[in-house]
């Protein structure tokens, strides 16, 4: 699977529960949509993923990546009901960083 470098870094940061490295994958004005909520900017994104890491201890295993539409399907495992699940990560990029991520 050929993931963009920033997505590879995002997966690694998630698996290491490193909220700083995770947020550094995003542009300064990036937006994340997850579970009906929106997080804007690196500080909000870092706070969101840090809280999620502490609560759910999620690991991410990419299973498929659509290079044309920039969608990664990943098996998500952690401390939450129904684990594991496969979620779709829809990316928009700005240079080498993520400018928008929608998780469904």
N, C-alpha and C. Protein backbone atom coordinates (compact mmCIF):
# COMPACT_ATOMS: atom_id res chain seq x y z
N UNK A 1 0.85 -1.18 0.00
CA UNK A 1 0.00 0.00 0.00
C UNK A 1 0.90 1.24 0.00
N UNK A 2 0.60 2.17 -0.88
CA UNK A 2 1.41 3.36 -1.04
C UNK A 2 0.73 4.55 -0.36
N UNK A 3 1.04 4.77 0.91
CA UNK A 3 0.48 5.90 1.66
C UNK A 3 1.35 7.13 1.48
N UNK A 4 0.74 8.31 1.43
CA UNK A 4 1.54 9.54 1.45
C UNK A 4 2.36 9.57 2.75
N UNK A 5 3.56 10.14 2.72
CA UNK A 5 4.39 10.18 3.94
C UNK A 5 3.67 10.74 5.16
N UNK A 6 2.89 11.80 4.99
CA UNK A 6 2.21 12.40 6.14
C UNK A 6 1.18 11.44 6.74
N UNK A 7 0.57 10.62 5.92
CA UNK A 7 -0.39 9.63 6.44
C UNK A 7 0.36 8.52 7.18
N UNK A 8 1.50 8.12 6.67
CA UNK A 8 2.34 7.15 7.38
C UNK A 8 2.73 7.70 8.75
N UNK A 9 3.11 8.97 8.81
CA UNK A 9 3.46 9.61 10.09
C UNK A 9 2.26 9.66 11.03
N UNK A 10 1.09 9.94 10.47
CA UNK A 10 -0.14 10.00 11.28
C UNK A 10 -0.43 8.64 11.91
N UNK A 11 -0.33 7.58 11.13
CA UNK A 11 -0.58 6.23 11.63
C UNK A 11 0.43 5.89 12.73
N UNK A 12 1.69 6.19 12.49
CA UNK A 12 2.74 5.92 13.49
C UNK A 12 2.47 6.70 14.78
N UNK A 13 2.12 7.97 14.64
CA UNK A 13 1.82 8.80 15.82
C UNK A 13 0.63 8.23 16.59
N UNK A 14 -0.39 7.79 15.87
CA UNK A 14 -1.56 7.21 16.52
C UNK A 14 -1.18 5.95 17.29
N UNK A 15 -0.42 5.08 16.66
CA UNK A 15 -0.03 3.83 17.30
C UNK A 15 0.89 4.03 18.50
N UNK A 16 1.59 5.18 18.54
CA UNK A 16 2.45 5.52 19.68
C UNK A 16 1.74 6.41 20.69
N UNK A 17 0.46 6.71 20.45
CA UNK A 17 -0.33 7.59 21.32
C UNK A 17 0.37 8.94 21.52
N UNK A 18 0.96 9.46 20.45
CA UNK A 18 1.74 10.69 20.49
C UNK A 18 0.90 11.82 19.88
N UNK A 19 0.20 12.54 20.73
CA UNK A 19 -0.72 13.58 20.25
C UNK A 19 0.01 14.75 19.62
N UNK A 20 1.23 15.04 20.06
CA UNK A 20 2.01 16.13 19.47
C UNK A 20 2.41 15.76 18.04
N UNK A 21 2.98 14.57 17.86
CA UNK A 21 3.37 14.13 16.51
C UNK A 21 2.14 14.03 15.61
N UNK A 22 1.01 13.58 16.16
CA UNK A 22 -0.23 13.47 15.39
C UNK A 22 -0.65 14.85 14.89
N UNK A 23 -0.71 15.83 15.79
CA UNK A 23 -1.15 17.17 15.38
C UNK A 23 -0.16 17.83 14.43
N UNK A 24 1.11 17.45 14.48
CA UNK A 24 2.11 18.01 13.58
C UNK A 24 1.94 17.52 12.14
N UNK A 25 1.06 16.57 11.91
CA UNK A 25 0.75 16.10 10.56
C UNK A 25 -0.24 17.05 9.86
N UNK A 26 -0.77 18.02 10.60
CA UNK A 26 -1.81 18.92 10.10
C UNK A 26 -1.29 20.33 9.89
N UNK A 27 -1.88 21.03 8.92
CA UNK A 27 -1.57 22.45 8.72
C UNK A 27 -2.11 23.26 9.90
N UNK A 28 -1.66 24.49 10.02
CA UNK A 28 -2.07 25.34 11.15
C UNK A 28 -3.57 25.58 11.19
N UNK A 29 -4.22 25.58 10.03
CA UNK A 29 -5.66 25.88 9.98
C UNK A 29 -6.48 24.63 9.64
N UNK A 30 -5.92 23.48 9.84
CA UNK A 30 -6.59 22.22 9.48
C UNK A 30 -7.89 22.03 10.26
N UNK A 31 -8.75 21.20 9.67
CA UNK A 31 -10.03 20.87 10.28
C UNK A 31 -10.19 19.35 10.29
N UNK A 32 -10.66 18.82 11.42
CA UNK A 32 -10.97 17.40 11.55
C UNK A 32 -12.44 17.27 11.91
N UNK A 33 -13.13 16.36 11.20
CA UNK A 33 -14.53 16.03 11.50
C UNK A 33 -14.56 14.58 11.97
N UNK A 34 -15.06 14.37 13.19
CA UNK A 34 -15.12 13.02 13.74
C UNK A 34 -16.31 12.92 14.69
N UNK A 35 -17.10 11.90 14.54
CA UNK A 35 -18.25 11.62 15.41
C UNK A 35 -19.15 12.85 15.59
N UNK A 36 -19.41 13.56 14.49
CA UNK A 36 -20.31 14.70 14.53
C UNK A 36 -19.72 15.97 15.13
N UNK A 37 -18.45 15.97 15.44
CA UNK A 37 -17.80 17.15 16.01
C UNK A 37 -16.71 17.63 15.07
N UNK A 38 -16.40 18.92 15.18
CA UNK A 38 -15.38 19.54 14.35
C UNK A 38 -14.29 20.13 15.24
N UNK A 39 -13.05 19.88 14.84
CA UNK A 39 -11.88 20.40 15.56
C UNK A 39 -11.05 21.19 14.57
N UNK A 40 -10.74 22.44 14.93
CA UNK A 40 -10.04 23.32 13.98
C UNK A 40 -8.74 23.82 14.60
N UNK A 41 -7.69 23.73 13.82
CA UNK A 41 -6.37 24.19 14.25
C UNK A 41 -5.62 23.10 15.00
N UNK A 42 -4.31 23.23 15.01
CA UNK A 42 -3.46 22.19 15.59
C UNK A 42 -3.72 21.99 17.08
N UNK A 43 -3.98 23.06 17.82
CA UNK A 43 -4.19 22.92 19.27
C UNK A 43 -5.45 22.10 19.56
N UNK A 44 -6.55 22.40 18.88
CA UNK A 44 -7.79 21.64 19.09
C UNK A 44 -7.61 20.19 18.65
N UNK A 45 -6.93 19.98 17.54
CA UNK A 45 -6.69 18.62 17.05
C UNK A 45 -5.85 17.85 18.06
N UNK A 46 -4.82 18.48 18.59
CA UNK A 46 -3.97 17.82 19.58
C UNK A 46 -4.76 17.48 20.84
N UNK A 47 -5.58 18.39 21.32
CA UNK A 47 -6.40 18.13 22.52
C UNK A 47 -7.39 17.00 22.27
N UNK A 48 -8.03 16.99 21.10
CA UNK A 48 -8.99 15.95 20.75
C UNK A 48 -8.34 14.58 20.73
N UNK A 49 -7.20 14.45 20.02
CA UNK A 49 -6.58 13.13 19.90
C UNK A 49 -5.96 12.70 21.22
N UNK A 50 -5.46 13.63 22.02
CA UNK A 50 -4.90 13.28 23.32
C UNK A 50 -5.99 12.70 24.23
N UNK A 51 -7.14 13.34 24.25
CA UNK A 51 -8.26 12.84 25.05
C UNK A 51 -8.72 11.46 24.54
N UNK A 52 -8.83 11.32 23.22
CA UNK A 52 -9.25 10.04 22.65
C UNK A 52 -8.22 8.94 22.96
N UNK A 53 -6.94 9.28 22.88
CA UNK A 53 -5.89 8.29 23.19
C UNK A 53 -5.99 7.82 24.63
N UNK A 54 -6.19 8.75 25.54
CA UNK A 54 -6.28 8.38 26.96
C UNK A 54 -7.51 7.54 27.25
N UNK A 55 -8.62 7.86 26.59
CA UNK A 55 -9.87 7.17 26.85
C UNK A 55 -9.97 5.82 26.13
N UNK A 56 -9.53 5.76 24.87
CA UNK A 56 -9.80 4.58 24.05
C UNK A 56 -8.56 3.77 23.66
N UNK A 57 -7.37 4.35 23.78
CA UNK A 57 -6.12 3.66 23.43
C UNK A 57 -6.23 2.99 22.05
N UNK A 58 -6.51 3.80 21.05
CA UNK A 58 -6.78 3.32 19.70
C UNK A 58 -5.48 3.03 18.94
N UNK A 59 -5.46 1.89 18.28
CA UNK A 59 -4.41 1.60 17.31
C UNK A 59 -5.04 1.55 15.93
N UNK A 60 -4.24 1.84 14.91
CA UNK A 60 -4.75 1.98 13.55
C UNK A 60 -3.94 1.09 12.62
N UNK A 61 -4.65 0.27 11.84
CA UNK A 61 -4.00 -0.58 10.85
C UNK A 61 -4.60 -0.29 9.48
N UNK A 62 -3.86 0.43 8.62
CA UNK A 62 -4.38 0.70 7.28
C UNK A 62 -4.63 -0.60 6.53
N UNK A 63 -5.78 -0.68 5.87
CA UNK A 63 -6.10 -1.88 5.09
C UNK A 63 -6.26 -1.58 3.60
N UNK A 64 -6.48 -0.30 3.26
CA UNK A 64 -6.67 0.07 1.86
C UNK A 64 -6.48 1.59 1.73
N UNK A 65 -5.90 2.02 0.60
CA UNK A 65 -5.77 3.45 0.34
C UNK A 65 -6.08 3.73 -1.12
N UNK A 66 -7.01 4.65 -1.33
CA UNK A 66 -7.40 5.10 -2.67
C UNK A 66 -6.60 6.36 -2.96
N UNK A 67 -5.57 6.23 -3.83
CA UNK A 67 -4.68 7.36 -4.13
C UNK A 67 -5.39 8.49 -4.87
N UNK A 68 -6.40 8.15 -5.65
CA UNK A 68 -7.10 9.17 -6.44
C UNK A 68 -7.98 10.05 -5.54
N UNK A 69 -8.74 9.42 -4.64
CA UNK A 69 -9.67 10.16 -3.79
C UNK A 69 -9.11 10.45 -2.40
N UNK A 70 -7.92 9.96 -2.11
CA UNK A 70 -7.25 10.18 -0.82
C UNK A 70 -8.10 9.68 0.35
N UNK A 71 -8.53 8.43 0.24
CA UNK A 71 -9.33 7.80 1.30
C UNK A 71 -8.59 6.56 1.79
N UNK A 72 -8.37 6.51 3.09
CA UNK A 72 -7.76 5.35 3.71
C UNK A 72 -8.79 4.63 4.56
N UNK A 73 -8.95 3.35 4.34
CA UNK A 73 -9.73 2.51 5.24
C UNK A 73 -8.76 1.87 6.20
N UNK A 74 -9.10 1.92 7.49
CA UNK A 74 -8.20 1.39 8.51
C UNK A 74 -8.99 0.64 9.56
N UNK A 75 -8.40 -0.45 10.02
CA UNK A 75 -8.98 -1.20 11.14
C UNK A 75 -8.53 -0.51 12.42
N UNK A 76 -9.52 -0.11 13.20
CA UNK A 76 -9.29 0.63 14.43
C UNK A 76 -9.62 -0.29 15.60
N UNK A 77 -8.66 -0.48 16.47
CA UNK A 77 -8.84 -1.32 17.65
C UNK A 77 -8.55 -0.49 18.89
N UNK A 78 -9.29 -0.77 19.94
CA UNK A 78 -9.04 -0.04 21.17
C UNK A 78 -10.02 -0.42 22.26
N UNK A 79 -10.06 0.41 23.26
CA UNK A 79 -10.90 0.20 24.43
C UNK A 79 -12.25 0.90 24.23
N UNK A 80 -13.04 0.39 23.28
CA UNK A 80 -14.36 0.97 23.02
C UNK A 80 -15.29 -0.14 22.56
N UNK A 81 -16.59 0.02 22.79
CA UNK A 81 -17.55 -1.01 22.38
C UNK A 81 -17.50 -1.25 20.87
N UNK A 82 -17.54 -2.52 20.48
CA UNK A 82 -17.55 -2.87 19.07
C UNK A 82 -16.18 -2.99 18.44
N UNK A 83 -15.13 -2.78 19.22
CA UNK A 83 -13.77 -2.87 18.69
C UNK A 83 -13.48 -4.30 18.25
N UNK A 84 -12.82 -4.47 17.10
CA UNK A 84 -12.33 -3.46 16.16
C UNK A 84 -13.41 -3.08 15.14
N UNK A 85 -13.21 -1.93 14.51
CA UNK A 85 -14.07 -1.46 13.43
C UNK A 85 -13.19 -0.95 12.29
N UNK A 86 -13.76 -0.90 11.10
CA UNK A 86 -13.07 -0.30 9.97
C UNK A 86 -13.69 1.07 9.72
N UNK A 87 -12.84 2.10 9.73
CA UNK A 87 -13.28 3.47 9.48
C UNK A 87 -12.60 3.98 8.22
N UNK A 88 -13.25 4.95 7.59
CA UNK A 88 -12.70 5.60 6.40
C UNK A 88 -12.19 6.99 6.78
N UNK A 89 -10.97 7.27 6.38
CA UNK A 89 -10.32 8.55 6.62
C UNK A 89 -10.22 9.27 5.28
N UNK A 90 -10.95 10.36 5.15
CA UNK A 90 -10.99 11.15 3.91
C UNK A 90 -10.06 12.36 4.10
N UNK A 91 -8.99 12.40 3.33
CA UNK A 91 -7.97 13.43 3.47
C UNK A 91 -8.04 14.47 2.36
N UNK A 92 -7.76 15.72 2.73
CA UNK A 92 -7.40 16.79 1.80
C UNK A 92 -6.05 17.29 2.27
N UNK A 93 -5.15 17.54 1.33
CA UNK A 93 -3.79 17.92 1.67
C UNK A 93 -3.50 19.36 1.27
N UNK A 94 -2.56 19.94 1.99
CA UNK A 94 -2.01 21.26 1.68
C UNK A 94 -0.50 21.10 1.72
N UNK A 95 0.11 20.98 0.56
CA UNK A 95 1.54 20.66 0.52
C UNK A 95 1.76 19.28 1.11
N UNK A 96 2.65 19.20 2.08
CA UNK A 96 2.98 17.93 2.72
C UNK A 96 2.18 17.68 3.99
N UNK A 97 1.18 18.50 4.26
CA UNK A 97 0.40 18.38 5.49
C UNK A 97 -1.07 18.11 5.18
N UNK A 98 -1.78 17.65 6.18
CA UNK A 98 -3.22 17.42 6.06
C UNK A 98 -3.94 18.73 6.37
N UNK A 99 -4.83 19.14 5.48
CA UNK A 99 -5.61 20.36 5.75
C UNK A 99 -7.04 20.05 6.18
N UNK A 100 -7.49 18.83 5.86
CA UNK A 100 -8.84 18.43 6.26
C UNK A 100 -8.89 16.92 6.37
N UNK A 101 -9.53 16.45 7.44
CA UNK A 101 -9.71 15.02 7.65
C UNK A 101 -11.13 14.79 8.12
N UNK A 102 -11.83 13.91 7.41
CA UNK A 102 -13.17 13.52 7.82
C UNK A 102 -13.13 12.01 8.07
N UNK A 103 -13.53 11.61 9.27
CA UNK A 103 -13.51 10.20 9.67
C UNK A 103 -14.94 9.69 9.71
N UNK A 104 -15.22 8.66 8.93
CA UNK A 104 -16.57 8.08 8.91
C UNK A 104 -16.50 6.56 9.00
